[in-house]
Amino acid sequence: RYEATRPLPDTVARRIAAHVARPLTGSDWILDAGFGTGRLGRALSRRHPRTVGVDLSRAMLDEARSRHLGRLRLAQADLAALPFADRAFGAILSVHVLHLVPEWERALSE
């Protein structure tokens, strides 16, 4: 139901993924912070395999896994306390999630 109420055409997701991945090297990682069901993260991981999705909701991550036949790197975590080293990512994307994070300023600092 989540994706049906928040449509993201695949062509748009692919264009965003291409734009985000363009300046990165093969050794860079992308973080999709607030991965949800993977509406955008699926396109990111196809374009740049070194993509990690993080979400607080186990149910959303389970749904993401069920929608993606390939391998996804996912972690359940609070965006205000990420389990990654500083400067671990070449790009970070957060779409439609910060309004749901009580400590959004701390999440941005992370």
PDB file of N, CA and C in Angstrom:
ATOM      1  N   ARG A   1       0.817  -1.189   0.000  1.00  0.00           N
ATOM      2  CA  ARG A   1       0.000   0.000   0.000  1.00  0.00           C
ATOM      3  C   ARG A   1       0.870   1.266   0.000  1.00  0.00           C
ATOM      4  N   TYR A   2       2.025   1.201   0.651  1.00  0.00           N
ATOM      5  CA  TYR A   2       2.907   2.368   0.745  1.00  0.00           C
ATOM      6  C   TYR A   2       3.286   2.883  -0.642  1.00  0.00           C
ATOM      7  N   GLU A   3       3.776   2.005  -1.492  1.00  0.00           N
ATOM      8  CA  GLU A   3       4.226   2.452  -2.817  1.00  0.00           C
ATOM      9  C   GLU A   3       3.069   2.883  -3.698  1.00  0.00           C
ATOM     10  N   ALA A   4       1.900   2.299  -3.511  1.00  0.00           N
ATOM     11  CA  ALA A   4       0.742   2.690  -4.312  1.00  0.00           C
ATOM     12  C   ALA A   4       0.306   4.125  -4.001  1.00  0.00           C
ATOM     13  N   THR A   5       0.546   4.579  -2.782  1.00  0.00           N
ATOM     14  CA  THR A   5       0.149   5.935  -2.396  1.00  0.00           C
ATOM     15  C   THR A   5       1.265   6.957  -2.608  1.00  0.00           C
ATOM     16  N   ARG A   6       2.457   6.481  -2.978  1.00  0.00           N
ATOM     17  CA  ARG A   6       3.603   7.357  -3.232  1.00  0.00           C
ATOM     18  C   ARG A   6       4.298   6.922  -4.518  1.00  0.00           C
ATOM     19  N   PRO A   7       3.633   7.117  -5.633  1.00  0.00           N
ATOM     20  CA  PRO A   7       4.204   6.597  -6.882  1.00  0.00           C
ATOM     21  C   PRO A   7       5.515   7.286  -7.261  1.00  0.00           C
ATOM     22  N   LEU A   8       6.420   6.481  -7.792  1.00  0.00           N
ATOM     23  CA  LEU A   8       7.678   6.979  -8.335  1.00  0.00           C
ATOM     24  C   LEU A   8       7.923   6.182  -9.614  1.00  0.00           C
ATOM     25  N   PRO A   9       7.660   6.778 -10.759  1.00  0.00           N
ATOM     26  CA  PRO A   9       7.860   6.038 -12.011  1.00  0.00           C
ATOM     27  C   PRO A   9       9.291   5.523 -12.117  1.00  0.00           C
ATOM     28  N   ASP A  10       9.440   4.306 -12.620  1.00  0.00           N
ATOM     29  CA  ASP A  10      10.756   3.687 -12.748  1.00  0.00           C
ATOM     30  C   ASP A  10      11.707   4.549 -13.571  1.00  0.00           C
ATOM     31  N   THR A  11      11.182   5.206 -14.599  1.00  0.00           N
ATOM     32  CA  THR A  11      12.049   6.061 -15.426  1.00  0.00           C
ATOM     33  C   THR A  11      12.624   7.210 -14.608  1.00  0.00           C
ATOM     34  N   VAL A  12      11.838   7.765 -13.707  1.00  0.00           N
ATOM     35  CA  VAL A  12      12.308   8.860 -12.851  1.00  0.00           C
ATOM     36  C   VAL A  12      13.343   8.324 -11.864  1.00  0.00           C
ATOM     37  N   ALA A  13      13.052   7.176 -11.253  1.00  0.00           N
ATOM     38  CA  ALA A  13      14.001   6.578 -10.301  1.00  0.00           C
ATOM     39  C   ALA A  13      15.335   6.283 -10.982  1.00  0.00           C
ATOM     40  N   ARG A  14      15.295   5.779 -12.204  1.00  0.00           N
ATOM     41  CA  ARG A  14      16.545   5.488 -12.931  1.00  0.00           C
ATOM     42  C   ARG A  14      17.325   6.756 -13.222  1.00  0.00           C
ATOM     43  N   ARG A  15      16.650   7.827 -13.580  1.00  0.00           N
ATOM     44  CA  ARG A  15      17.336   9.087 -13.871  1.00  0.00           C
ATOM     45  C   ARG A  15      17.973   9.678 -12.613  1.00  0.00           C
ATOM     46  N   ILE A  16      17.260   9.593 -11.490  1.00  0.00           N
ATOM     47  CA  ILE A  16      17.821  10.082 -10.230  1.00  0.00           C
ATOM     48  C   ILE A  16      19.042   9.245  -9.857  1.00  0.00           C
ATOM     49  N   ALA A  17      18.922   7.935  -9.975  1.00  0.00           N
ATOM     50  CA  ALA A  17      20.042   7.037  -9.640  1.00  0.00           C
ATOM     51  C   ALA A  17      21.255   7.342 -10.513  1.00  0.00           C
ATOM     52  N   ALA A  18      21.048   7.559 -11.785  1.00  0.00           N
ATOM     53  CA  ALA A  18      22.157   7.878 -12.686  1.00  0.00           C
ATOM     54  C   ALA A  18      22.822   9.186 -12.278  1.00  0.00           C
ATOM     55  N   HIS A  19      22.023  10.173 -11.916  1.00  0.00           N
ATOM     56  CA  HIS A  19      22.559  11.476 -11.507  1.00  0.00           C
ATOM     57  C   HIS A  19      23.373  11.347 -10.205  1.00  0.00           C
ATOM     58  N   VAL A  20      22.854  10.615  -9.245  1.00  0.00           N
ATOM     59  CA  VAL A  20      23.549  10.452  -7.962  1.00  0.00           C
ATOM     60  C   VAL A  20      24.849   9.676  -8.149  1.00  0.00           C
ATOM     61  N   ALA A  21      24.818   8.625  -8.964  1.00  0.00           N
ATOM     62  CA  ALA A  21      25.986   7.746  -9.133  1.00  0.00           C
ATOM     63  C   ALA A  21      27.050   8.322 -10.060  1.00  0.00           C
ATOM     64  N   ARG A  22      26.683   9.245 -10.922  1.00  0.00           N
ATOM     65  CA  ARG A  22      27.607   9.752 -11.948  1.00  0.00           C
ATOM     66  C   ARG A  22      28.965  10.192 -11.406  1.00  0.00           C
ATOM     67  N   PRO A  23      29.047  10.992 -10.340  1.00  0.00           N
ATOM     68  CA  PRO A  23      30.375  11.458  -9.893  1.00  0.00           C
ATOM     69  C   PRO A  23      31.130  10.455  -9.024  1.00  0.00           C
ATOM     70  N   LEU A  24      30.530   9.310  -8.722  1.00  0.00           N
ATOM     71  CA  LEU A  24      31.151   8.367  -7.800  1.00  0.00           C
ATOM     72  C   LEU A  24      32.105   7.421  -8.507  1.00  0.00           C
ATOM     73  N   THR A  25      33.055   6.914  -7.739  1.00  0.00           N
ATOM     74  CA  THR A  25      33.952   5.880  -8.251  1.00  0.00           C
ATOM     75  C   THR A  25      33.371   4.523  -7.880  1.00  0.00           C
ATOM     76  N   GLY A  26      33.946   3.470  -8.406  1.00  0.00           N
ATOM     77  CA  GLY A  26      33.486   2.128  -8.099  1.00  0.00           C
ATOM     78  C   GLY A  26      33.699   1.727  -6.657  1.00  0.00           C
ATOM     79  N   SER A  27      34.563   2.429  -5.950  1.00  0.00           N
ATOM     80  CA  SER A  27      34.816   2.093  -4.547  1.00  0.00           C
ATOM     81  C   SER A  27      33.962   2.921  -3.576  1.00  0.00           C
ATOM     82  N   ASP A  28      33.249   3.911  -4.082  1.00  0.00           N
ATOM     83  CA  ASP A  28      32.377   4.735  -3.233  1.00  0.00           C
ATOM     84  C   ASP A  28      31.109   3.974  -2.862  1.00  0.00           C
ATOM     85  N   TRP A  29      30.560   4.327  -1.722  1.00  0.00           N
ATOM     86  CA  TRP A  29      29.291   3.778  -1.261  1.00  0.00           C
ATOM     87  C   TRP A  29      28.228   4.862  -1.288  1.00  0.00           C
ATOM     88  N   ILE A  30      26.975   4.467  -1.538  1.00  0.00           N
ATOM     89  CA  ILE A  30      25.823   5.358  -1.447  1.00  0.00           C
ATOM     90  C   ILE A  30      24.994   4.902  -0.258  1.00  0.00           C
ATOM     91  N   LEU A  31      24.499   5.848   0.522  1.00  0.00           N
ATOM     92  CA  LEU A  31      23.565   5.557   1.601  1.00  0.00           C
ATOM     93  C   LEU A  31      22.197   6.112   1.234  1.00  0.00           C
ATOM     94  N   ASP A  32      21.197   5.249   1.221  1.00  0.00           N
ATOM     95  CA  ASP A  32      19.801   5.675   1.096  1.00  0.00           C
ATOM     96  C   ASP A  32      19.249   5.676   2.518  1.00  0.00           C
ATOM     97  N   ALA A  33      19.204   6.855   3.118  1.00  0.00           N
ATOM     98  CA  ALA A  33      18.800   7.024   4.513  1.00  0.00           C
ATOM     99  C   ALA A  33      17.290   7.219   4.580  1.00  0.00           C
ATOM    100  N   GLY A  34      16.607   6.195   5.064  1.00  0.00           N
ATOM    101  CA  GLY A  34      15.150   6.174   5.037  1.00  0.00           C
ATOM    102  C   GLY A  34      14.693   5.356   3.844  1.00  0.00           C
ATOM    103  N   PHE A  35      15.300   4.202   3.668  1.00  0.00           N
ATOM    104  CA  PHE A  35      15.121   3.335   2.493  1.00  0.00           C
ATOM    105  C   PHE A  35      13.674   2.935   2.269  1.00  0.00           C
ATOM    106  N   GLY A  36      12.927   2.740   3.340  1.00  0.00           N
ATOM    107  CA  GLY A  36      11.528   2.329   3.199  1.00  0.00           C
ATOM    108  C   GLY A  36      11.414   1.022   2.439  1.00  0.00           C
ATOM    109  N   THR A  37      10.533   1.007   1.470  1.00  0.00           N
ATOM    110  CA  THR A  37      10.348  -0.191   0.638  1.00  0.00           C
ATOM    111  C   THR A  37      11.311  -0.222  -0.535  1.00  0.00           C
ATOM    112  N   GLY A  38      12.132   0.807  -0.666  1.00  0.00           N
ATOM    113  CA  GLY A  38      13.145   0.820  -1.711  1.00  0.00           C
ATOM    114  C   GLY A  38      12.704   1.428  -3.028  1.00  0.00           C
ATOM    115  N   ARG A  39      11.712   2.303  -2.999  1.00  0.00           N
ATOM    116  CA  ARG A  39      11.237   2.905  -4.251  1.00  0.00           C
ATOM    117  C   ARG A  39      12.396   3.463  -5.068  1.00  0.00           C
ATOM    118  N   LEU A  40      13.256   4.217  -4.433  1.00  0.00           N
ATOM    119  CA  LEU A  40      14.413   4.776  -5.126  1.00  0.00           C
ATOM    120  C   LEU A  40      15.648   3.898  -4.945  1.00  0.00           C
ATOM    121  N   GLY A  41      15.778   3.275  -3.815  1.00  0.00           N
ATOM    122  CA  GLY A  41      16.946   2.453  -3.511  1.00  0.00           C
ATOM    123  C   GLY A  41      17.154   1.289  -4.458  1.00  0.00           C
ATOM    124  N   ARG A  42      16.071   0.731  -4.972  1.00  0.00           N
ATOM    125  CA  ARG A  42      16.222  -0.364  -5.940  1.00  0.00           C
ATOM    126  C   ARG A  42      16.947   0.130  -7.181  1.00  0.00           C
ATOM    127  N   ALA A  43      16.573   1.297  -7.677  1.00  0.00           N
ATOM    128  CA  ALA A  43      17.238   1.866  -8.859  1.00  0.00           C
ATOM    129  C   ALA A  43      18.680   2.238  -8.528  1.00  0.00           C
ATOM    130  N   LEU A  44      18.911   2.768  -7.334  1.00  0.00           N
ATOM    131  CA  LEU A  44      20.276   3.110  -6.924  1.00  0.00           C
ATOM    132  C   LEU A  44      21.158   1.869  -6.896  1.00  0.00           C
ATOM    133  N   SER A  45      20.653   0.780  -6.314  1.00  0.00           N
ATOM    134  CA  SER A  45      21.477  -0.427  -6.185  1.00  0.00           C
ATOM    135  C   SER A  45      21.732  -1.095  -7.529  1.00  0.00           C
ATOM    136  N   ARG A  46      20.815  -0.928  -8.487  1.00  0.00           N
ATOM    137  CA  ARG A  46      21.065  -1.465  -9.837  1.00  0.00           C
ATOM    138  C   ARG A  46      22.130  -0.637 -10.550  1.00  0.00           C
ATOM    139  N   ARG A  47      22.105   0.657 -10.332  1.00  0.00           N
ATOM    140  CA  ARG A  47      23.050   1.564 -10.987  1.00  0.00           C
ATOM    141  C   ARG A  47      24.427   1.525 -10.325  1.00  0.00           C
ATOM    142  N   HIS A  48      24.436   1.419  -9.015  1.00  0.00           N
ATOM    143  CA  HIS A  48      25.686   1.455  -8.235  1.00  0.00           C
ATOM    144  C   HIS A  48      25.574   0.389  -7.144  1.00  0.00           C
ATOM    145  N   PRO A  49      26.101  -0.793  -7.373  1.00  0.00           N
ATOM    146  CA  PRO A  49      25.911  -1.917  -6.444  1.00  0.00           C
ATOM    147  C   PRO A  49      26.362  -1.654  -5.009  1.00  0.00           C
ATOM    148  N   ARG A  50      27.213  -0.688  -4.810  1.00  0.00           N
ATOM    149  CA  ARG A  50      27.671  -0.389  -3.449  1.00  0.00           C
ATOM    150  C   ARG A  50      26.729   0.614  -2.795  1.00  0.00           C
ATOM    151  N   THR A  51      25.466   0.208  -2.697  1.00  0.00           N
ATOM    152  CA  THR A  51      24.415   1.018  -2.090  1.00  0.00           C
ATOM    153  C   THR A  51      23.926   0.316  -0.828  1.00  0.00           C
ATOM    154  N   VAL A  52      23.747   1.093   0.222  1.00  0.00           N
ATOM    155  CA  VAL A  52      23.230   0.580   1.489  1.00  0.00           C
ATOM    156  C   VAL A  52      21.935   1.325   1.800  1.00  0.00           C
ATOM    157  N   GLY A  53      20.912   0.581   2.171  1.00  0.00           N
ATOM    158  CA  GLY A  53      19.653   1.179   2.592  1.00  0.00           C
ATOM    159  C   GLY A  53      19.476   1.033   4.088  1.00  0.00           C
ATOM    160  N   VAL A  54      19.070   2.123   4.744  1.00  0.00           N
ATOM    161  CA  VAL A  54      18.836   2.110   6.181  1.00  0.00           C
ATOM    162  C   VAL A  54      17.413   2.591   6.441  1.00  0.00           C
ATOM    163  N   ASP A  55      16.731   1.891   7.321  1.00  0.00           N
ATOM    164  CA  ASP A  55      15.398   2.310   7.729  1.00  0.00           C
ATOM    165  C   ASP A  55      15.171   1.855   9.161  1.00  0.00           C
ATOM    166  N   LEU A  56      14.355   2.588   9.891  1.00  0.00           N
ATOM    167  CA  LEU A  56      14.024   2.228  11.264  1.00  0.00           C
ATOM    168  C   LEU A  56      13.036   1.067  11.308  1.00  0.00           C
ATOM    169  N   SER A  57      12.213   0.946  10.268  1.00  0.00           N
ATOM    170  CA  SER A  57      11.127  -0.031  10.256  1.00  0.00           C
ATOM    171  C   SER A  57      11.551  -1.377   9.667  1.00  0.00           C
ATOM    172  N   ARG A  58      11.499  -2.412  10.481  1.00  0.00           N
ATOM    173  CA  ARG A  58      11.790  -3.769  10.002  1.00  0.00           C
ATOM    174  C   ARG A  58      10.767  -4.176   8.947  1.00  0.00           C
ATOM    175  N   ALA A  59       9.500  -3.811   9.117  1.00  0.00           N
ATOM    176  CA  ALA A  59       8.456  -4.173   8.148  1.00  0.00           C
ATOM    177  C   ALA A  59       8.749  -3.569   6.771  1.00  0.00           C
ATOM    178  N   MET A  60       9.218  -2.329   6.741  1.00  0.00           N
ATOM    179  CA  MET A  60       9.544  -1.688   5.461  1.00  0.00           C
ATOM    180  C   MET A  60      10.729  -2.401   4.802  1.00  0.00           C
ATOM    181  N   LEU A  61      11.729  -2.758   5.579  1.00  0.00           N
ATOM    182  CA  LEU A  61      12.891  -3.452   5.027  1.00  0.00           C
ATOM    183  C   LEU A  61      12.510  -4.847   4.522  1.00  0.00           C
ATOM    184  N   ASP A  62      11.621  -5.528   5.233  1.00  0.00           N
ATOM    185  CA  ASP A  62      11.144  -6.836   4.766  1.00  0.00           C
ATOM    186  C   ASP A  62      10.402  -6.693   3.446  1.00  0.00           C
ATOM    187  N   GLU A  63       9.596  -5.651   3.327  1.00  0.00           N
ATOM    188  CA  GLU A  63       8.878  -5.398   2.071  1.00  0.00           C
ATOM    189  C   GLU A  63       9.866  -5.089   0.949  1.00  0.00           C
ATOM    190  N   ALA A  64      10.891  -4.327   1.258  1.00  0.00           N
ATOM    191  CA  ALA A  64      11.919  -4.012   0.254  1.00  0.00           C
ATOM    192  C   ALA A  64      12.573  -5.287  -0.256  1.00  0.00           C
ATOM    193  N   ARG A  65      12.907  -6.192   0.648  1.00  0.00           N
ATOM    194  CA  ARG A  65      13.525  -7.458   0.239  1.00  0.00           C
ATOM    195  C   ARG A  65      12.587  -8.273  -0.646  1.00  0.00           C
ATOM    196  N   SER A  66      11.307  -8.250  -0.341  1.00  0.00           N
ATOM    197  CA  SER A  66      10.352  -9.046  -1.123  1.00  0.00           C
ATOM    198  C   SER A  66      10.147  -8.472  -2.527  1.00  0.00           C
ATOM    199  N   ARG A  67      10.421  -7.180  -2.719  1.00  0.00           N
ATOM    200  CA  ARG A  67      10.231  -6.535  -4.020  1.00  0.00           C
ATOM    201  C   ARG A  67      11.480  -6.570  -4.893  1.00  0.00           C
ATOM    202  N   HIS A  68      12.609  -6.969  -4.333  1.00  0.00           N
ATOM    203  CA  HIS A  68      13.874  -6.916  -5.055  1.00  0.00           C
ATOM    204  C   HIS A  68      14.470  -8.316  -5.130  1.00  0.00           C
ATOM    205  N   LEU A  69      14.664  -8.802  -6.333  1.00  0.00           N
ATOM    206  CA  LEU A  69      15.181 -10.156  -6.509  1.00  0.00           C
ATOM    207  C   LEU A  69      16.686 -10.227  -6.332  1.00  0.00           C
ATOM    208  N   GLY A  70      17.366  -9.129  -6.490  1.00  0.00           N
ATOM    209  CA  GLY A  70      18.820  -9.107  -6.339  1.00  0.00           C
ATOM    210  C   GLY A  70      19.212  -8.969  -4.881  1.00  0.00           C
ATOM    211  N   ARG A  71      20.467  -8.764  -4.677  1.00  0.00           N
ATOM    212  CA  ARG A  71      20.987  -8.635  -3.314  1.00  0.00           C
ATOM    213  C   ARG A  71      20.913  -7.181  -2.872  1.00  0.00           C
ATOM    214  N   LEU A  72      20.284  -6.958  -1.739  1.00  0.00           N
ATOM    215  CA  LEU A  72      20.224  -5.624  -1.161  1.00  0.00           C
ATOM    216  C   LEU A  72      21.052  -5.610   0.123  1.00  0.00           C
ATOM    217  N   ARG A  73      21.766  -4.530   0.333  1.00  0.00           N
ATOM    218  CA  ARG A  73      22.473  -4.324   1.596  1.00  0.00           C
ATOM    219  C   ARG A  73      21.596  -3.391   2.421  1.00  0.00           C
ATOM    220  N   LEU A  74      20.972  -3.952   3.441  1.00  0.00           N
ATOM    221  CA  LEU A  74      20.033  -3.192   4.255  1.00  0.00           C
ATOM    222  C   LEU A  74      20.404  -3.296   5.727  1.00  0.00           C
ATOM    223  N   ALA A  75      20.111  -2.224   6.455  1.00  0.00           N
ATOM    224  CA  ALA A  75      20.345  -2.217   7.890  1.00  0.00           C
ATOM    225  C   ALA A  75      19.180  -1.517   8.572  1.00  0.00           C
ATOM    226  N   GLN A  76      18.744  -2.090   9.668  1.00  0.00           N
ATOM    227  CA  GLN A  76      17.724  -1.431  10.475  1.00  0.00           C
ATOM    228  C   GLN A  76      18.451  -0.536  11.468  1.00  0.00           C
ATOM    229  N   ALA A  77      18.198   0.756  11.386  1.00  0.00           N
ATOM    230  CA  ALA A  77      18.897   1.697  12.263  1.00  0.00           C
ATOM    231  C   ALA A  77      18.143   3.011  12.322  1.00  0.00           C
ATOM    232  N   ASP A  78      18.401   3.740  13.383  1.00  0.00           N
ATOM    233  CA  ASP A  78      17.873   5.082  13.582  1.00  0.00           C
ATOM    234  C   ASP A  78      18.788   6.046  12.832  1.00  0.00           C
ATOM    235  N   LEU A  79      18.219   6.928  12.032  1.00  0.00           N
ATOM    236  CA  LEU A  79      19.043   7.865  11.266  1.00  0.00           C
ATOM    237  C   LEU A  79      19.827   8.824  12.159  1.00  0.00           C
ATOM    238  N   ALA A  80      19.398   8.975  13.409  1.00  0.00           N
ATOM    239  CA  ALA A  80      20.114   9.853  14.332  1.00  0.00           C
ATOM    240  C   ALA A  80      21.289   9.142  15.010  1.00  0.00           C
ATOM    241  N   ALA A  81      21.434   7.845  14.754  1.00  0.00           N
ATOM    242  CA  ALA A  81      22.540   7.068  15.349  1.00  0.00           C
ATOM    243  C   ALA A  81      22.934   5.966  14.371  1.00  0.00           C
ATOM    244  N   LEU A  82      23.522   6.344  13.268  1.00  0.00           N
ATOM    245  CA  LEU A  82      23.859   5.380  12.220  1.00  0.00           C
ATOM    246  C   LEU A  82      25.051   4.503  12.614  1.00  0.00           C
ATOM    247  N   PRO A  83      25.015   3.236  12.211  1.00  0.00           N
ATOM    248  CA  PRO A  83      26.088   2.301  12.574  1.00  0.00           C
ATOM    249  C   PRO A  83      27.243   2.277  11.571  1.00  0.00           C
ATOM    250  N   PHE A  84      27.627   3.439  11.075  1.00  0.00           N
ATOM    251  CA  PHE A  84      28.685   3.532  10.069  1.00  0.00           C
ATOM    252  C   PHE A  84      29.731   4.546  10.509  1.00  0.00           C
ATOM    253  N   ALA A  85      30.943   4.358  10.030  1.00  0.00           N
ATOM    254  CA  ALA A  85      32.022   5.309  10.326  1.00  0.00           C
ATOM    255  C   ALA A  85      31.754   6.635   9.625  1.00  0.00           C
ATOM    256  N   ASP A  86      32.289   7.695  10.169  1.00  0.00           N
ATOM    257  CA  ASP A  86      32.206   9.007   9.525  1.00  0.00           C
ATOM    258  C   ASP A  86      32.825   8.932   8.136  1.00  0.00           C
ATOM    259  N   ARG A  87      32.241   9.629   7.211  1.00  0.00           N
ATOM    260  CA  ARG A  87      32.743   9.753   5.838  1.00  0.00           C
ATOM    261  C   ARG A  87      32.809   8.408   5.099  1.00  0.00           C
ATOM    262  N   ALA A  88      31.913   7.501   5.467  1.00  0.00           N
ATOM    263  CA  ALA A  88      31.896   6.175   4.836  1.00  0.00           C
ATOM    264  C   ALA A  88      31.225   6.187   3.461  1.00  0.00           C
ATOM    265  N   PHE A  89      30.521   7.270   3.131  1.00  0.00           N
ATOM    266  CA  PHE A  89      29.725   7.292   1.906  1.00  0.00           C
ATOM    267  C   PHE A  89      30.131   8.434   0.976  1.00  0.00           C
ATOM    268  N   GLY A  90      30.127   8.134  -0.316  1.00  0.00           N
ATOM    269  CA  GLY A  90      30.389   9.145  -1.326  1.00  0.00           C
ATOM    270  C   GLY A  90      29.157   9.965  -1.641  1.00  0.00           C
ATOM    271  N   ALA A  91      27.988   9.412  -1.334  1.00  0.00           N
ATOM    272  CA  ALA A  91      26.721  10.116  -1.554  1.00  0.00           C
ATOM    273  C   ALA A  91      25.710   9.603  -0.537  1.00  0.00           C
ATOM    274  N   ILE A  92      24.856  10.511  -0.084  1.00  0.00           N
ATOM    275  CA  ILE A  92      23.783  10.154   0.846  1.00  0.00           C
ATOM    276  C   ILE A  92      22.502  10.785   0.321  1.00  0.00           C
ATOM    277  N   LEU A  93      21.473   9.981   0.298  1.00  0.00           N
ATOM    278  CA  LEU A  93      20.171  10.425  -0.190  1.00  0.00           C
ATOM    279  C   LEU A  93      19.138  10.156   0.889  1.00  0.00           C
ATOM    280  N   SER A  94      18.258  11.096   1.126  1.00  0.00           N
ATOM    281  CA  SER A  94      17.172  10.908   2.080  1.00  0.00           C
ATOM    282  C   SER A  94      15.937  11.554   1.487  1.00  0.00           C
ATOM    283  N   VAL A  95      14.946  10.727   1.141  1.00  0.00           N
ATOM    284  CA  VAL A  95      13.759  11.216   0.437  1.00  0.00           C
ATOM    285  C   VAL A  95      12.509  10.916   1.254  1.00  0.00           C
ATOM    286  N   HIS A  96      11.728  11.941   1.521  1.00  0.00           N
ATOM    287  CA  HIS A  96      10.442  11.807   2.200  1.00  0.00           C
ATOM    288  C   HIS A  96      10.556  11.123   3.555  1.00  0.00           C
ATOM    289  N   VAL A  97      11.570  11.486   4.343  1.00  0.00           N
ATOM    290  CA  VAL A  97      11.715  10.811   5.633  1.00  0.00           C
ATOM    291  C   VAL A  97      12.006  11.759   6.793  1.00  0.00           C
ATOM    292  N   LEU A  98      12.689  12.843   6.571  1.00  0.00           N
ATOM    293  CA  LEU A  98      13.128  13.680   7.694  1.00  0.00           C
ATOM    294  C   LEU A  98      11.966  14.237   8.515  1.00  0.00           C
ATOM    295  N   HIS A  99      10.818  14.420   7.911  1.00  0.00           N
ATOM    296  CA  HIS A  99       9.663  14.902   8.672  1.00  0.00           C
ATOM    297  C   HIS A  99       9.162  13.849   9.670  1.00  0.00           C
ATOM    298  N   LEU A 100       9.631  12.612   9.531  1.00  0.00           N
ATOM    299  CA  LEU A 100       9.249  11.526  10.435  1.00  0.00           C
ATOM    300  C   LEU A 100      10.280  11.290  11.542  1.00  0.00           C
ATOM    301  N   VAL A 101      11.393  11.996  11.482  1.00  0.00           N
ATOM    302  CA  VAL A 101      12.502  11.778  12.417  1.00  0.00           C
ATOM    303  C   VAL A 101      12.464  12.855  13.499  1.00  0.00           C
ATOM    304  N   PRO A 102      12.148  12.465  14.751  1.00  0.00           N
ATOM    305  CA  PRO A 102      12.084  13.478  15.811  1.00  0.00           C
ATOM    306  C   PRO A 102      13.391  14.259  15.970  1.00  0.00           C
ATOM    307  N   GLU A 103      14.512  13.579  15.869  1.00  0.00           N
ATOM    308  CA  GLU A 103      15.817  14.238  16.002  1.00  0.00           C
ATOM    309  C   GLU A 103      16.416  14.473  14.610  1.00  0.00           C
ATOM    310  N   TRP A 104      15.657  15.145  13.749  1.00  0.00           N
ATOM    311  CA  TRP A 104      16.086  15.312  12.359  1.00  0.00           C
ATOM    312  C   TRP A 104      17.386  16.099  12.239  1.00  0.00           C
ATOM    313  N   GLU A 105      17.631  17.042  13.146  1.00  0.00           N
ATOM    314  CA  GLU A 105      18.882  17.796  13.069  1.00  0.00           C
ATOM    315  C   GLU A 105      20.074  16.888  13.386  1.00  0.00           C
ATOM    316  N   ARG A 106      19.894  16.017  14.349  1.00  0.00           N
ATOM    317  CA  ARG A 106      20.957  15.058  14.671  1.00  0.00           C
ATOM    318  C   ARG A 106      21.149  14.080  13.511  1.00  0.00           C
ATOM    319  N   ALA A 107      20.052  13.683  12.883  1.00  0.00           N
ATOM    320  CA  ALA A 107      20.140  12.780  11.722  1.00  0.00           C
ATOM    321  C   ALA A 107      20.925  13.448  10.595  1.00  0.00           C
ATOM    322  N   LEU A 108      20.698  14.714  10.342  1.00  0.00           N
ATOM    323  CA  LEU A 108      21.455  15.434   9.316  1.00  0.00           C
ATOM    324  C   LEU A 108      22.922  15.504   9.685  1.00  0.00           C
ATOM    325  N   SER A 109      23.221  15.684  10.943  1.00  0.00           N
ATOM    326  CA  SER A 109      24.605  15.718  11.395  1.00  0.00           C
ATOM    327  C   SER A 109      25.293  14.366  11.175  1.00  0.00           C
ATOM    328  N   GLU A 110      24.545  13.286  11.388  1.00  0.00           N
ATOM    329  CA  GLU A 110      25.081  11.938  11.153  1.00  0.00           C
ATOM    330  C   GLU A 110      25.501  11.812   9.707  1.00  0.00           C
TER     331      GLU A 110
END
